[in-house]
Structures are given as C-alpha cells and as structure tokens.
Protein backbone atom coordinates (compact mmCIF):
# COMPACT_ATOMS: atom_id res chain seq x y z
CA MET A 1 145.86 58.63 55.84
CA ASP A 2 147.93 55.78 57.21
CA THR A 3 151.54 56.51 58.31
CA VAL A 4 154.52 54.22 58.34
CA SER A 5 158.19 54.72 58.95
CA VAL A 6 160.57 54.65 56.05
CA ASN A 7 162.06 51.38 57.37
CA GLN A 8 158.61 49.75 57.36
CA PHE A 9 158.03 51.07 53.91
CA ARG A 10 161.32 49.74 52.59
CA ASP A 11 160.77 46.31 54.12
CA LYS A 12 157.21 46.04 52.55
CA LEU A 13 157.64 48.31 49.50
CA LYS A 14 155.59 46.11 47.11
CA THR A 15 152.79 45.61 49.50
CA PHE A 16 152.43 49.29 50.35
CA VAL A 17 152.55 50.35 46.69
CA ASP A 18 150.04 47.75 45.68
CA GLN A 19 147.71 48.96 48.49
CA ALA A 20 148.08 52.55 47.45
CA ILE A 21 147.13 51.76 43.91
CA SER A 22 144.36 49.22 44.53
CA ASN A 23 142.69 51.00 47.45
CA HIS A 24 143.26 54.53 46.07
CA THR A 25 144.53 55.60 49.56
CA PRO A 26 147.71 57.64 49.95
CA LEU A 27 150.37 56.52 52.40
CA LYS A 28 152.50 58.94 54.48
CA VAL A 29 156.04 57.71 55.00
CA THR A 30 158.01 59.38 57.79
CA ARG A 31 161.81 59.59 58.19
CA ARG A 32 163.79 59.85 61.38
CA ALA A 33 164.96 63.39 60.43
CA GLY A 34 161.29 64.45 60.44
CA GLU A 35 160.94 64.80 56.74
CA ALA A 36 157.95 62.83 55.16
CA PHE A 37 156.62 61.96 51.81
CA VAL A 38 153.43 60.56 50.40
CA VAL A 39 152.99 57.51 48.16
CA MET A 40 149.93 57.49 45.86
CA SER A 41 148.96 56.11 42.59
CA ALA A 42 149.69 58.23 39.48
CA ASP A 43 145.96 58.19 38.53
CA ASP A 44 144.99 59.53 41.94
CA TRP A 45 147.71 62.25 41.74
CA GLU A 46 146.45 63.26 38.33
CA ARG A 47 142.80 63.51 39.58
CA GLU A 48 144.05 65.62 42.50
CA GLN A 49 145.78 67.97 40.09
CA GLU A 50 142.67 68.34 37.98
CA THR A 51 140.60 69.12 41.07
CA LEU A 52 143.09 71.73 42.20
CA TYR A 53 142.97 73.32 38.70
CA VAL A 54 139.23 73.60 38.86
CA LEU A 55 139.14 74.91 42.39
CA GLN A 56 141.76 77.62 41.53
CA ASN A 57 140.08 78.70 38.34
CA SER A 58 137.53 81.36 39.32
CA SER A 59 135.77 81.26 35.99
CA LEU A 60 135.10 77.52 36.21
CA MET A 61 133.94 77.91 39.78
CA GLN A 62 131.52 80.69 38.74
CA GLN A 63 130.10 78.36 36.03
CA ILE A 64 129.66 75.56 38.55
CA ALA A 65 127.89 77.84 41.04
CA GLU A 66 125.58 79.23 38.21
CA SER A 67 124.78 75.67 37.08
CA ALA A 68 123.97 74.55 40.63
CA GLN A 69 121.63 77.58 41.04
CA THR A 70 119.76 76.89 37.76
CA HIS A 71 119.46 73.22 38.69
CA THR A 72 118.03 74.07 42.08
CA ARG A 73 115.40 76.31 40.42
CA GLY A 74 114.59 73.57 37.98
CA GLN A 75 115.97 75.56 35.03
CA ASP A 76 118.79 73.13 34.12
CA TYR A 77 119.63 72.47 30.53
CA SER A 78 118.22 69.39 28.79
CA PRO A 79 119.71 68.54 25.38
CA SER A 80 117.40 67.76 22.49
CA SER A 81 117.31 64.28 21.06
CA GLU A 82 119.44 65.49 18.08
CA GLU A 83 121.97 66.91 20.48
CA MET A 84 121.99 63.64 22.48
CA ASP A 85 122.61 61.74 19.27
CA GLU A 86 125.56 63.98 18.50
CA ILE A 87 126.93 63.61 22.03
CA THR A 88 126.65 59.84 22.07
CA GLY A 89 127.72 59.40 18.37
CA ILE A 90 124.55 57.57 17.36
C-alpha cells in the first residue's frame, strides 16, 4: 500500500482518488500527529466487508472446506441440464 502525507493528499486529491478507484489500490494517508487513514473505492470496501463476513462465519467456512474436499476427491456437484436451464434462465 502506498503512503502519502496529508499535505500531498490534499494537493493532489483528485489524482489520488482517481487512482484508488481505477487501480483498486488503497492509499494510506498519514498526518503529522501520527494518525492515519486509508482511501479506497466504495466497491473495494464493500468487497472487503463481504470477505470479512465469510471469514468470520464458521458455518460458511465449514461449507467451503467440505466443498474443497469433495472437489479434490472428484465428487463435486454437477447440475443437470434442467437445473442449468433454471439457473441461466433459458
């Protein structure tokens, strides 16, 4: 993660915000007092929140682990053609 001072951030606000959004890279902004904050796109922040939710949900993590095991053993689920039609809306 790149780091800039709050003065640099203020001077080039639009450039730094555009970079955070287009490159999907957060930017750490430091202040003289030692406090810092991070600038990132709203989409990236929402994705991070969703990831944290999954990682903190033991039931979902168990389902993922079981799915990985069945896939490794070649016992993964394959939908029928009728189920695929329903999923894809055909």
